[in-house]
């Protein structure tokens, strides 16, 4: 967990993510802040996973967890996002009902999306540290990259799990979700730049 940003007088500085704006006067407080953010990010992803709608004919429901995972990546940055999504995945694999529809374990066909979310959060966190969440269009590009990674892992995993051709897995695990992902990206395009604007106003930048 990063403790480099003990205080953040200029939240819009290069290399910062939204989590760095939260004040921490000492290194110990920064570590406590980071721990709380990691656990909170995992819990947020778990809660969003329960916002689930089944898709007829597909073992992959529409959920809020992918959106939460991308927000965690953008807000926390690479290291904290990795730990947060790793905690989420580990808790679900250990039997806690943290995955979509209260499921757990790694034997379900949709588990590849959980692995994809872990990688996507890391990539989105890295892009956010390069300013990928500071304005509408850069945020849109960042969300697209994250979504491509999630599907790039989830769809082939689905094909292997169901023993179906990749083209069928695309029909089952990608095509029905594109409209929802566009809506999620639109929400992020408004929320993340707005959060930076609010942080700048709060700090007087």
N, C-alpha and C. Protein backbone atom coordinates (compact mmCIF):
# COMPACT_ATOMS: atom_id res chain seq x y z
N UNK A 1 0.83 -1.20 0.00
CA UNK A 1 0.00 0.00 0.00
C UNK A 1 0.87 1.24 0.00
N UNK A 2 0.48 2.22 -0.80
CA UNK A 2 1.30 3.43 -0.93
C UNK A 2 1.07 4.36 0.23
N UNK A 3 2.17 4.83 0.81
CA UNK A 3 2.08 5.84 1.87
C UNK A 3 2.86 7.09 1.48
N UNK A 4 3.13 7.21 0.17
CA UNK A 4 3.96 8.33 -0.27
C UNK A 4 3.26 9.66 -0.05
N UNK A 5 1.94 9.65 -0.22
CA UNK A 5 1.21 10.91 -0.09
C UNK A 5 0.69 11.05 1.33
N UNK A 6 1.53 11.52 2.24
CA UNK A 6 1.12 11.72 3.62
C UNK A 6 0.15 12.88 3.71
N UNK A 7 0.38 13.92 2.96
CA UNK A 7 -0.57 15.02 2.84
C UNK A 7 -0.61 15.40 1.38
N UNK A 8 -1.66 16.07 0.98
CA UNK A 8 -1.84 16.36 -0.44
C UNK A 8 -2.33 17.79 -0.63
N UNK A 9 -1.44 18.77 -0.53
CA UNK A 9 -1.87 20.15 -0.67
C UNK A 9 -2.34 20.49 -2.07
N UNK A 10 -1.90 19.72 -3.07
CA UNK A 10 -2.29 19.98 -4.44
C UNK A 10 -2.82 18.69 -5.05
N UNK A 11 -4.12 18.38 -4.85
CA UNK A 11 -4.66 17.10 -5.26
C UNK A 11 -4.60 16.85 -6.76
N UNK A 12 -4.49 17.88 -7.58
CA UNK A 12 -4.45 17.68 -9.03
C UNK A 12 -3.04 17.49 -9.55
N UNK A 13 -2.07 17.34 -8.66
CA UNK A 13 -0.69 17.20 -9.11
C UNK A 13 -0.53 15.92 -9.93
N UNK A 14 0.43 15.88 -10.85
CA UNK A 14 0.66 14.66 -11.63
C UNK A 14 1.01 13.49 -10.71
N UNK A 15 0.51 12.33 -11.06
CA UNK A 15 0.81 11.12 -10.29
C UNK A 15 -0.13 10.84 -9.15
N UNK A 16 -1.05 11.75 -8.84
CA UNK A 16 -1.98 11.53 -7.73
C UNK A 16 -3.24 10.84 -8.23
N UNK A 17 -3.87 10.09 -7.33
CA UNK A 17 -5.21 9.56 -7.55
C UNK A 17 -6.11 10.15 -6.47
N UNK A 18 -7.40 9.92 -6.60
CA UNK A 18 -8.34 10.54 -5.67
C UNK A 18 -8.06 10.16 -4.22
N UNK A 19 -7.64 8.93 -3.98
CA UNK A 19 -7.36 8.50 -2.61
C UNK A 19 -6.26 9.32 -1.96
N UNK A 20 -5.34 9.84 -2.77
CA UNK A 20 -4.23 10.62 -2.23
C UNK A 20 -4.69 11.96 -1.68
N UNK A 21 -5.89 12.39 -2.06
CA UNK A 21 -6.41 13.65 -1.56
C UNK A 21 -6.79 13.55 -0.09
N UNK A 22 -7.13 12.35 0.36
CA UNK A 22 -7.53 12.17 1.76
C UNK A 22 -6.35 12.48 2.68
N UNK A 23 -6.54 13.33 3.68
CA UNK A 23 -5.41 13.77 4.50
C UNK A 23 -4.89 12.67 5.41
N UNK A 24 -3.58 12.68 5.60
CA UNK A 24 -2.92 11.77 6.55
C UNK A 24 -1.66 12.48 7.02
N UNK A 25 -1.66 12.92 8.25
CA UNK A 25 -0.59 13.78 8.75
C UNK A 25 0.71 13.03 9.00
N UNK A 26 0.62 11.73 9.24
CA UNK A 26 1.82 10.95 9.53
C UNK A 26 1.81 9.69 8.68
N UNK A 27 2.98 9.02 8.62
CA UNK A 27 3.07 7.78 7.86
C UNK A 27 2.17 6.71 8.44
N UNK A 28 2.04 6.66 9.76
CA UNK A 28 1.16 5.66 10.39
C UNK A 28 -0.29 5.89 10.00
N UNK A 29 -0.70 7.14 9.98
CA UNK A 29 -2.07 7.45 9.58
C UNK A 29 -2.29 7.16 8.10
N UNK A 30 -1.26 7.37 7.30
CA UNK A 30 -1.37 7.06 5.87
C UNK A 30 -1.55 5.56 5.68
N UNK A 31 -0.83 4.74 6.44
CA UNK A 31 -1.00 3.29 6.34
C UNK A 31 -2.40 2.87 6.78
N UNK A 32 -2.90 3.49 7.86
CA UNK A 32 -4.25 3.18 8.32
C UNK A 32 -5.28 3.60 7.27
N UNK A 33 -5.07 4.75 6.66
CA UNK A 33 -5.96 5.20 5.59
C UNK A 33 -5.96 4.22 4.44
N UNK A 34 -4.78 3.78 4.03
CA UNK A 34 -4.68 2.87 2.90
C UNK A 34 -5.34 1.53 3.21
N UNK A 35 -5.17 1.04 4.43
CA UNK A 35 -5.81 -0.21 4.83
C UNK A 35 -7.32 -0.08 4.76
N UNK A 36 -7.84 1.03 5.27
CA UNK A 36 -9.29 1.25 5.23
C UNK A 36 -9.79 1.34 3.78
N UNK A 37 -9.01 1.97 2.91
CA UNK A 37 -9.41 2.08 1.51
C UNK A 37 -9.41 0.73 0.82
N UNK A 38 -8.42 -0.10 1.12
CA UNK A 38 -8.34 -1.43 0.52
C UNK A 38 -9.55 -2.28 0.93
N UNK A 39 -9.84 -2.29 2.22
CA UNK A 39 -10.98 -3.07 2.72
C UNK A 39 -12.29 -2.48 2.19
N UNK A 40 -12.38 -1.15 2.19
CA UNK A 40 -13.59 -0.50 1.69
C UNK A 40 -13.82 -0.78 0.22
N UNK A 41 -12.76 -0.78 -0.57
CA UNK A 41 -12.90 -1.08 -1.99
C UNK A 41 -13.39 -2.50 -2.24
N UNK A 42 -12.87 -3.45 -1.45
CA UNK A 42 -13.32 -4.84 -1.57
C UNK A 42 -14.79 -4.95 -1.18
N UNK A 43 -15.18 -4.28 -0.10
CA UNK A 43 -16.56 -4.32 0.36
C UNK A 43 -17.50 -3.66 -0.65
N UNK A 44 -17.05 -2.56 -1.25
CA UNK A 44 -17.86 -1.89 -2.27
C UNK A 44 -18.10 -2.82 -3.47
N UNK A 45 -17.05 -3.50 -3.90
CA UNK A 45 -17.19 -4.43 -5.02
C UNK A 45 -18.12 -5.57 -4.67
N UNK A 46 -18.02 -6.06 -3.44
CA UNK A 46 -18.92 -7.12 -2.98
C UNK A 46 -20.37 -6.64 -2.99
N UNK A 47 -20.62 -5.43 -2.48
CA UNK A 47 -21.98 -4.90 -2.46
C UNK A 47 -22.51 -4.71 -3.87
N UNK A 48 -21.67 -4.19 -4.77
CA UNK A 48 -22.11 -3.96 -6.15
C UNK A 48 -22.38 -5.28 -6.86
N UNK A 49 -21.68 -6.35 -6.49
CA UNK A 49 -21.91 -7.65 -7.11
C UNK A 49 -23.31 -8.17 -6.83
N UNK A 50 -23.89 -7.73 -5.73
CA UNK A 50 -25.24 -8.20 -5.38
C UNK A 50 -26.32 -7.45 -6.15
N UNK A 51 -25.96 -6.37 -6.83
CA UNK A 51 -26.88 -5.70 -7.75
C UNK A 51 -26.84 -6.48 -9.05
N UNK A 52 -27.63 -7.51 -9.12
CA UNK A 52 -27.48 -8.52 -10.17
C UNK A 52 -28.81 -8.80 -10.88
N UNK A 53 -28.73 -8.90 -12.20
CA UNK A 53 -29.88 -9.27 -13.01
C UNK A 53 -29.48 -10.43 -13.91
N UNK A 54 -30.23 -11.53 -13.88
CA UNK A 54 -29.88 -12.66 -14.75
C UNK A 54 -30.10 -12.32 -16.21
N UNK A 55 -29.30 -12.92 -17.07
CA UNK A 55 -29.43 -12.77 -18.51
C UNK A 55 -29.90 -14.11 -19.07
N UNK A 56 -31.09 -14.17 -19.66
CA UNK A 56 -31.59 -15.45 -20.17
C UNK A 56 -30.61 -16.14 -21.12
N UNK A 57 -30.33 -17.40 -20.83
CA UNK A 57 -29.45 -18.17 -21.68
C UNK A 57 -27.98 -18.03 -21.39
N UNK A 58 -27.61 -17.15 -20.45
CA UNK A 58 -26.20 -16.93 -20.12
C UNK A 58 -25.95 -17.18 -18.64
N UNK A 59 -24.83 -17.80 -18.29
CA UNK A 59 -24.49 -17.98 -16.88
C UNK A 59 -23.89 -16.75 -16.23
N UNK A 60 -23.77 -15.66 -16.99
CA UNK A 60 -23.14 -14.44 -16.49
C UNK A 60 -24.22 -13.38 -16.31
N UNK A 61 -24.53 -13.00 -15.07
CA UNK A 61 -25.55 -11.97 -14.86
C UNK A 61 -24.99 -10.58 -15.09
N UNK A 62 -25.87 -9.64 -15.28
CA UNK A 62 -25.49 -8.22 -15.28
C UNK A 62 -25.36 -7.79 -13.83
N UNK A 63 -24.20 -7.24 -13.47
CA UNK A 63 -23.99 -6.81 -12.09
C UNK A 63 -23.32 -5.44 -12.06
N UNK A 64 -23.21 -4.90 -10.86
CA UNK A 64 -22.50 -3.65 -10.68
C UNK A 64 -21.04 -3.83 -10.32
N UNK A 65 -20.57 -5.09 -10.21
CA UNK A 65 -19.22 -5.30 -9.69
C UNK A 65 -18.12 -4.83 -10.65
N UNK A 66 -18.36 -4.95 -11.96
CA UNK A 66 -17.33 -4.47 -12.89
C UNK A 66 -17.17 -2.95 -12.78
N UNK A 67 -18.28 -2.25 -12.66
CA UNK A 67 -18.23 -0.79 -12.49
C UNK A 67 -17.50 -0.44 -11.20
N UNK A 68 -17.82 -1.15 -10.12
CA UNK A 68 -17.16 -0.89 -8.84
C UNK A 68 -15.67 -1.16 -8.94
N UNK A 69 -15.28 -2.25 -9.60
CA UNK A 69 -13.87 -2.59 -9.70
C UNK A 69 -13.09 -1.51 -10.46
N UNK A 70 -13.70 -0.97 -11.52
CA UNK A 70 -13.02 0.07 -12.28
C UNK A 70 -12.94 1.37 -11.48
N UNK A 71 -13.97 1.68 -10.72
CA UNK A 71 -13.91 2.86 -9.86
C UNK A 71 -12.85 2.70 -8.78
N UNK A 72 -12.76 1.51 -8.21
CA UNK A 72 -11.74 1.24 -7.20
C UNK A 72 -10.35 1.45 -7.81
N UNK A 73 -10.16 0.93 -9.02
CA UNK A 73 -8.86 1.10 -9.68
C UNK A 73 -8.51 2.56 -9.89
N UNK A 74 -9.47 3.33 -10.43
CA UNK A 74 -9.21 4.73 -10.71
C UNK A 74 -9.02 5.55 -9.43
N UNK A 75 -9.77 5.24 -8.40
CA UNK A 75 -9.73 6.05 -7.18
C UNK A 75 -8.56 5.72 -6.27
N UNK A 76 -8.16 4.45 -6.23
CA UNK A 76 -7.14 4.02 -5.28
C UNK A 76 -5.74 3.97 -5.87
N UNK A 77 -5.62 3.83 -7.18
CA UNK A 77 -4.30 3.68 -7.76
C UNK A 77 -3.88 2.22 -7.79
N UNK A 78 -2.80 1.93 -8.48
CA UNK A 78 -2.42 0.55 -8.81
C UNK A 78 -2.28 -0.35 -7.59
N UNK A 79 -1.43 0.03 -6.64
CA UNK A 79 -1.13 -0.86 -5.52
C UNK A 79 -2.33 -1.13 -4.63
N UNK A 80 -3.01 -0.08 -4.22
CA UNK A 80 -4.16 -0.26 -3.35
C UNK A 80 -5.29 -0.97 -4.08
N UNK A 81 -5.47 -0.68 -5.37
CA UNK A 81 -6.52 -1.35 -6.14
C UNK A 81 -6.22 -2.84 -6.26
N UNK A 82 -4.97 -3.20 -6.50
CA UNK A 82 -4.61 -4.61 -6.58
C UNK A 82 -4.94 -5.33 -5.27
N UNK A 83 -4.55 -4.75 -4.15
CA UNK A 83 -4.82 -5.37 -2.86
C UNK A 83 -6.31 -5.46 -2.60
N UNK A 84 -7.06 -4.44 -2.98
CA UNK A 84 -8.49 -4.42 -2.74
C UNK A 84 -9.21 -5.51 -3.54
N UNK A 85 -8.91 -5.61 -4.83
CA UNK A 85 -9.56 -6.63 -5.65
C UNK A 85 -9.03 -8.02 -5.35
N UNK A 86 -7.77 -8.12 -4.93
CA UNK A 86 -7.25 -9.43 -4.50
C UNK A 86 -7.97 -9.89 -3.23
N UNK A 87 -8.24 -8.95 -2.31
CA UNK A 87 -9.01 -9.30 -1.11
C UNK A 87 -10.41 -9.74 -1.48
N UNK A 88 -11.04 -9.03 -2.40
CA UNK A 88 -12.38 -9.40 -2.85
C UNK A 88 -12.38 -10.81 -3.44
N UNK A 89 -11.42 -11.08 -4.33
CA UNK A 89 -11.34 -12.40 -4.96
C UNK A 89 -11.04 -13.50 -3.95
N UNK A 90 -10.09 -13.23 -3.06
CA UNK A 90 -9.71 -14.24 -2.07
C UNK A 90 -10.86 -14.57 -1.13
N UNK A 91 -11.61 -13.54 -0.72
CA UNK A 91 -12.74 -13.78 0.17
C UNK A 91 -13.79 -14.64 -0.51
N UNK A 92 -14.07 -14.35 -1.77
CA UNK A 92 -15.04 -15.16 -2.50
C UNK A 92 -14.56 -16.58 -2.74
N UNK A 93 -13.28 -16.74 -3.04
CA UNK A 93 -12.73 -18.07 -3.25
C UNK A 93 -12.72 -18.89 -1.96
N UNK A 94 -12.60 -18.19 -0.84
CA UNK A 94 -12.58 -18.87 0.45
C UNK A 94 -13.96 -19.30 0.93
N UNK A 95 -15.00 -18.92 0.20
CA UNK A 95 -16.34 -19.36 0.55
C UNK A 95 -17.28 -18.27 1.01
N UNK A 96 -16.79 -17.04 1.16
CA UNK A 96 -17.69 -15.96 1.53
C UNK A 96 -18.57 -15.60 0.33
N UNK A 97 -19.85 -15.32 0.54
CA UNK A 97 -20.76 -15.06 -0.58
C UNK A 97 -20.59 -13.66 -1.16
N UNK A 98 -19.42 -13.40 -1.72
CA UNK A 98 -19.07 -12.06 -2.19
C UNK A 98 -19.27 -11.87 -3.67
N UNK A 99 -19.40 -12.96 -4.42
CA UNK A 99 -19.53 -12.82 -5.86
C UNK A 99 -21.00 -12.60 -6.24
N UNK A 100 -21.26 -12.46 -7.53
CA UNK A 100 -22.61 -12.15 -8.01
C UNK A 100 -23.62 -13.17 -7.51
N UNK A 101 -24.77 -12.67 -7.11
CA UNK A 101 -25.88 -13.49 -6.63
C UNK A 101 -25.51 -14.29 -5.38
N UNK A 102 -24.58 -13.75 -4.59
CA UNK A 102 -24.19 -14.40 -3.35
C UNK A 102 -23.40 -15.67 -3.54
N UNK A 103 -22.78 -15.85 -4.70
CA UNK A 103 -22.01 -17.06 -4.97
C UNK A 103 -20.59 -16.94 -4.43
N UNK A 104 -19.87 -18.06 -4.46
CA UNK A 104 -18.49 -18.08 -3.99
C UNK A 104 -17.76 -19.22 -4.70
N UNK A 105 -16.45 -19.31 -4.46
CA UNK A 105 -15.65 -20.36 -5.08
C UNK A 105 -15.09 -19.94 -6.43
N UNK A 106 -14.35 -20.85 -7.06
CA UNK A 106 -13.74 -20.54 -8.35
C UNK A 106 -14.18 -21.50 -9.44
N UNK A 107 -15.16 -22.33 -9.17
CA UNK A 107 -15.60 -23.29 -10.17
C UNK A 107 -16.67 -22.77 -11.12
N UNK A 108 -17.19 -21.59 -10.87
CA UNK A 108 -18.28 -21.07 -11.71
C UNK A 108 -17.72 -20.54 -13.02
N UNK A 109 -18.50 -20.65 -14.11
CA UNK A 109 -18.01 -20.18 -15.42
C UNK A 109 -17.66 -18.70 -15.46
N UNK A 110 -18.27 -17.91 -14.59
CA UNK A 110 -18.03 -16.46 -14.62
C UNK A 110 -16.83 -16.04 -13.78
N UNK A 111 -16.09 -16.98 -13.21
CA UNK A 111 -14.97 -16.61 -12.34
C UNK A 111 -13.87 -15.86 -13.12
N UNK A 112 -13.78 -16.12 -14.42
CA UNK A 112 -12.79 -15.40 -15.22
C UNK A 112 -12.98 -13.90 -15.19
N UNK A 113 -14.21 -13.45 -15.02
CA UNK A 113 -14.47 -12.01 -14.94
C UNK A 113 -13.90 -11.42 -13.65
N UNK A 114 -13.92 -12.22 -12.58
CA UNK A 114 -13.33 -11.77 -11.32
C UNK A 114 -11.83 -11.56 -11.49
N UNK A 115 -11.18 -12.53 -12.15
CA UNK A 115 -9.74 -12.38 -12.42
C UNK A 115 -9.49 -11.19 -13.34
N UNK A 116 -10.36 -11.02 -14.32
CA UNK A 116 -10.21 -9.88 -15.22
C UNK A 116 -10.36 -8.56 -14.50
N UNK A 117 -11.28 -8.50 -13.53
CA UNK A 117 -11.46 -7.26 -12.77
C UNK A 117 -10.21 -6.92 -11.96
N UNK A 118 -9.54 -7.93 -11.44
CA UNK A 118 -8.30 -7.69 -10.70
C UNK A 118 -7.25 -7.04 -11.59
N UNK A 119 -7.07 -7.60 -12.78
CA UNK A 119 -6.09 -7.04 -13.71
C UNK A 119 -6.53 -5.66 -14.21
N UNK A 120 -7.83 -5.52 -14.47
CA UNK A 120 -8.33 -4.24 -14.97
C UNK A 120 -8.16 -3.14 -13.94
N UNK A 121 -8.39 -3.44 -12.66
CA UNK A 121 -8.23 -2.43 -11.62
C UNK A 121 -6.79 -1.93 -11.57
N UNK A 122 -5.84 -2.85 -11.75
CA UNK A 122 -4.43 -2.46 -11.75
C UNK A 122 -4.13 -1.54 -12.94
N UNK A 123 -4.61 -1.93 -14.12
CA UNK A 123 -4.36 -1.12 -15.32
C UNK A 123 -5.03 0.24 -15.22
N UNK A 124 -6.27 0.27 -14.76
CA UNK A 124 -6.99 1.54 -14.61
C UNK A 124 -6.31 2.42 -13.57
N UNK A 125 -5.83 1.81 -12.50
CA UNK A 125 -5.09 2.58 -11.50
C UNK A 125 -3.84 3.22 -12.07
N UNK A 126 -3.13 2.48 -12.92
CA UNK A 126 -1.93 3.03 -13.55
C UNK A 126 -2.29 4.18 -14.48
N UNK A 127 -3.37 4.03 -15.23
CA UNK A 127 -3.79 5.12 -16.12
C UNK A 127 -4.25 6.34 -15.34
N UNK A 128 -4.94 6.10 -14.22
CA UNK A 128 -5.39 7.23 -13.39
C UNK A 128 -4.20 8.02 -12.86
N UNK A 129 -3.12 7.35 -12.52
CA UNK A 129 -1.92 8.06 -12.05
C UNK A 129 -1.28 8.88 -13.16
N UNK A 130 -1.67 8.61 -14.39
CA UNK A 130 -1.19 9.41 -15.53
C UNK A 130 -2.25 10.39 -16.02
N UNK A 131 -3.24 10.64 -15.17
CA UNK A 131 -4.26 11.62 -15.51
C UNK A 131 -5.43 11.05 -16.29
N UNK A 132 -5.58 9.72 -16.31
CA UNK A 132 -6.63 9.10 -17.09
C UNK A 132 -8.03 9.24 -16.55
N UNK A 133 -8.19 9.93 -15.42
CA UNK A 133 -9.52 10.15 -14.85
C UNK A 133 -9.80 11.63 -14.60
N UNK A 134 -9.02 12.50 -15.24
CA UNK A 134 -9.12 13.93 -14.93
C UNK A 134 -10.15 14.67 -15.78
N UNK A 135 -10.48 14.16 -16.97
CA UNK A 135 -11.50 14.80 -17.77
C UNK A 135 -12.36 13.73 -18.42
N UNK A 136 -13.42 14.16 -19.08
CA UNK A 136 -14.43 13.23 -19.58
C UNK A 136 -13.85 12.24 -20.58
N UNK A 137 -13.11 12.71 -21.56
CA UNK A 137 -12.68 11.82 -22.63
C UNK A 137 -11.56 10.90 -22.20
N UNK A 138 -10.65 11.37 -21.38
CA UNK A 138 -9.62 10.47 -20.87
C UNK A 138 -10.23 9.42 -19.96
N UNK A 139 -11.25 9.81 -19.20
CA UNK A 139 -11.93 8.82 -18.36
C UNK A 139 -12.62 7.77 -19.22
N UNK A 140 -13.24 8.20 -20.31
CA UNK A 140 -13.88 7.24 -21.21
C UNK A 140 -12.87 6.23 -21.74
N UNK A 141 -11.70 6.72 -22.17
CA UNK A 141 -10.66 5.81 -22.66
C UNK A 141 -10.17 4.86 -21.59
N UNK A 142 -10.03 5.36 -20.36
CA UNK A 142 -9.59 4.52 -19.25
C UNK A 142 -10.61 3.41 -18.98
N UNK A 143 -11.89 3.76 -18.99
CA UNK A 143 -12.93 2.75 -18.75
C UNK A 143 -12.97 1.71 -19.86
N UNK A 144 -12.73 2.14 -21.10
CA UNK A 144 -12.70 1.19 -22.21
C UNK A 144 -11.56 0.20 -22.04
N UNK A 145 -10.39 0.70 -21.68
CA UNK A 145 -9.25 -0.20 -21.46
C UNK A 145 -9.58 -1.21 -20.37
N UNK A 146 -10.14 -0.75 -19.26
CA UNK A 146 -10.49 -1.67 -18.19
C UNK A 146 -11.49 -2.71 -18.62
N UNK A 147 -12.51 -2.30 -19.37
CA UNK A 147 -13.54 -3.23 -19.82
C UNK A 147 -12.95 -4.27 -20.78
N UNK A 148 -12.07 -3.84 -21.67
CA UNK A 148 -11.44 -4.77 -22.61
C UNK A 148 -10.65 -5.84 -21.85
N UNK A 149 -9.97 -5.43 -20.80
CA UNK A 149 -9.21 -6.41 -20.01
C UNK A 149 -10.14 -7.39 -19.32
N UNK A 150 -11.23 -6.91 -18.76
CA UNK A 150 -12.19 -7.80 -18.08
C UNK A 150 -12.73 -8.84 -19.05
N UNK A 151 -13.16 -8.39 -20.21
CA UNK A 151 -13.69 -9.34 -21.19
C UNK A 151 -12.59 -10.21 -21.81
N UNK A 152 -11.40 -9.64 -21.92
CA UNK A 152 -10.29 -10.39 -22.49
C UNK A 152 -9.91 -11.60 -21.65
N UNK A 153 -10.18 -11.54 -20.36
CA UNK A 153 -9.96 -12.69 -19.49
C UNK A 153 -11.25 -13.49 -19.30
N UNK A 154 -12.35 -12.79 -19.09
CA UNK A 154 -13.61 -13.46 -18.75
C UNK A 154 -14.19 -14.30 -19.86
N UNK A 155 -14.15 -13.81 -21.10
CA UNK A 155 -14.78 -14.54 -22.21
C UNK A 155 -14.03 -15.83 -22.54
N UNK A 156 -12.69 -15.82 -22.69
CA UNK A 156 -12.00 -17.10 -22.92
C UNK A 156 -12.18 -18.08 -21.76
N UNK A 157 -12.19 -17.58 -20.52
CA UNK A 157 -12.43 -18.45 -19.36
C UNK A 157 -13.82 -19.08 -19.46
N UNK A 158 -14.79 -18.29 -19.88
CA UNK A 158 -16.15 -18.79 -20.05
C UNK A 158 -16.19 -19.89 -21.11
N UNK A 159 -15.48 -19.67 -22.22
CA UNK A 159 -15.44 -20.67 -23.29
C UNK A 159 -14.84 -21.98 -22.80
N UNK A 160 -13.76 -21.89 -22.03
CA UNK A 160 -13.14 -23.11 -21.50
C UNK A 160 -14.04 -23.80 -20.49
N UNK A 161 -14.68 -23.03 -19.64
CA UNK A 161 -15.53 -23.60 -18.59
C UNK A 161 -16.74 -24.32 -19.17
N UNK A 162 -17.33 -23.74 -20.20
CA UNK A 162 -18.52 -24.32 -20.81
C UNK A 162 -18.21 -25.26 -21.96
N UNK A 163 -16.92 -25.30 -22.35
CA UNK A 163 -16.49 -26.12 -23.48
C UNK A 163 -17.27 -25.76 -24.74
N UNK A 164 -17.27 -24.47 -25.03
CA UNK A 164 -17.95 -23.97 -26.22
C UNK A 164 -16.95 -23.17 -27.05
N UNK A 165 -17.21 -22.96 -28.34
CA UNK A 165 -16.32 -22.13 -29.15
C UNK A 165 -16.26 -20.71 -28.62
N UNK A 166 -15.16 -20.03 -28.92
CA UNK A 166 -14.99 -18.66 -28.45
C UNK A 166 -16.08 -17.75 -28.99
N UNK A 167 -16.52 -17.98 -30.23
CA UNK A 167 -17.57 -17.15 -30.80
C UNK A 167 -18.87 -17.28 -30.01
N UNK A 168 -19.17 -18.49 -29.53
CA UNK A 168 -20.38 -18.66 -28.71
C UNK A 168 -20.20 -17.99 -27.35
N UNK A 169 -18.98 -18.07 -26.81
CA UNK A 169 -18.73 -17.41 -25.53
C UNK A 169 -18.88 -15.90 -25.65
N UNK A 170 -18.50 -15.35 -26.79
CA UNK A 170 -18.70 -13.91 -27.04
C UNK A 170 -20.19 -13.57 -27.02
N UNK A 171 -21.00 -14.41 -27.64
CA UNK A 171 -22.44 -14.19 -27.66
C UNK A 171 -23.06 -14.30 -26.28
N UNK A 172 -22.49 -15.21 -25.46
CA UNK A 172 -23.03 -15.43 -24.12
C UNK A 172 -22.51 -14.43 -23.10
N UNK A 173 -21.25 -14.05 -23.24
CA UNK A 173 -20.60 -13.31 -22.16
C UNK A 173 -20.08 -11.94 -22.50
N UNK A 174 -20.37 -11.44 -23.69
CA UNK A 174 -19.92 -10.10 -24.06
C UNK A 174 -21.02 -9.27 -24.70
N UNK A 175 -21.57 -9.76 -25.81
CA UNK A 175 -22.53 -8.98 -26.57
C UNK A 175 -23.70 -8.45 -25.75
N UNK A 176 -24.32 -9.26 -24.86
CA UNK A 176 -25.48 -8.74 -24.13
C UNK A 176 -25.17 -7.62 -23.15
N UNK A 177 -23.88 -7.37 -22.90
CA UNK A 177 -23.50 -6.46 -21.82
C UNK A 177 -22.94 -5.13 -22.33
N UNK A 178 -22.83 -4.98 -23.64
CA UNK A 178 -22.18 -3.79 -24.19
C UNK A 178 -22.95 -2.52 -23.87
N UNK A 179 -24.28 -2.56 -23.97
CA UNK A 179 -25.06 -1.37 -23.68
C UNK A 179 -24.91 -0.97 -22.21
N UNK A 180 -24.97 -1.95 -21.31
CA UNK A 180 -24.80 -1.65 -19.89
C UNK A 180 -23.43 -1.08 -19.60
N UNK A 181 -22.41 -1.61 -20.28
CA UNK A 181 -21.06 -1.08 -20.06
C UNK A 181 -20.93 0.35 -20.56
N UNK A 182 -21.63 0.66 -21.64
CA UNK A 182 -21.61 2.03 -22.13
C UNK A 182 -22.24 2.98 -21.11
N UNK A 183 -23.31 2.54 -20.47
CA UNK A 183 -23.94 3.36 -19.44
C UNK A 183 -23.03 3.53 -18.23
N UNK A 184 -22.34 2.44 -17.84
CA UNK A 184 -21.40 2.53 -16.72
C UNK A 184 -20.27 3.49 -17.04
N UNK A 185 -19.77 3.42 -18.27
CA UNK A 185 -18.69 4.33 -18.67
C UNK A 185 -19.17 5.78 -18.63
N UNK A 186 -20.41 6.00 -19.05
CA UNK A 186 -20.95 7.36 -19.00
C UNK A 186 -21.04 7.87 -17.57
N UNK A 187 -21.43 7.00 -16.64
CA UNK A 187 -21.46 7.40 -15.24
C UNK A 187 -20.06 7.77 -14.74
N UNK A 188 -19.09 6.95 -15.08
CA UNK A 188 -17.71 7.23 -14.66
C UNK A 188 -17.20 8.52 -15.29
N UNK A 189 -17.57 8.77 -16.54
CA UNK A 189 -17.13 9.98 -17.23
C UNK A 189 -17.62 11.23 -16.53
N UNK A 190 -18.77 11.12 -15.86
CA UNK A 190 -19.25 12.26 -15.09
C UNK A 190 -18.71 12.29 -13.68
N UNK A 191 -18.64 11.12 -13.04
CA UNK A 191 -18.32 11.06 -11.61
C UNK A 191 -16.86 11.37 -11.30
N UNK A 192 -15.94 10.78 -12.05
CA UNK A 192 -14.53 10.94 -11.69
C UNK A 192 -14.01 12.36 -11.94
N UNK A 193 -14.22 12.95 -13.11
CA UNK A 193 -13.79 14.35 -13.27
C UNK A 193 -14.48 15.28 -12.28
N UNK A 194 -15.76 15.01 -11.97
CA UNK A 194 -16.47 15.84 -11.00
C UNK A 194 -15.84 15.74 -9.62
N UNK A 195 -15.40 14.52 -9.26
CA UNK A 195 -14.75 14.34 -7.96
C UNK A 195 -13.44 15.12 -7.89
N UNK A 196 -12.69 15.14 -9.00
CA UNK A 196 -11.46 15.93 -9.02
C UNK A 196 -11.76 17.42 -8.91
N UNK A 197 -12.80 17.85 -9.59
CA UNK A 197 -13.18 19.27 -9.52
C UNK A 197 -13.55 19.64 -8.09
N UNK A 198 -14.32 18.78 -7.44
CA UNK A 198 -14.72 19.04 -6.06
C UNK A 198 -13.51 19.04 -5.13
N UNK A 199 -12.57 18.10 -5.36
CA UNK A 199 -11.37 18.06 -4.53
C UNK A 199 -10.55 19.33 -4.68
N UNK A 200 -10.46 19.84 -5.92
CA UNK A 200 -9.73 21.08 -6.15
C UNK A 200 -10.38 22.26 -5.47
N UNK A 201 -11.70 22.32 -5.51
CA UNK A 201 -12.42 23.42 -4.86
C UNK A 201 -12.28 23.34 -3.34
N UNK A 202 -12.32 22.11 -2.82
CA UNK A 202 -12.20 21.93 -1.36
C UNK A 202 -10.85 22.40 -0.87
N UNK A 203 -9.80 22.11 -1.65
CA UNK A 203 -8.45 22.50 -1.26
C UNK A 203 -8.08 23.91 -1.70
N UNK A 204 -8.97 24.54 -2.45
CA UNK A 204 -8.70 25.91 -2.88
C UNK A 204 -7.80 26.01 -4.07
N UNK A 205 -7.67 24.90 -4.85
CA UNK A 205 -6.81 24.96 -6.05
C UNK A 205 -7.54 25.64 -7.21
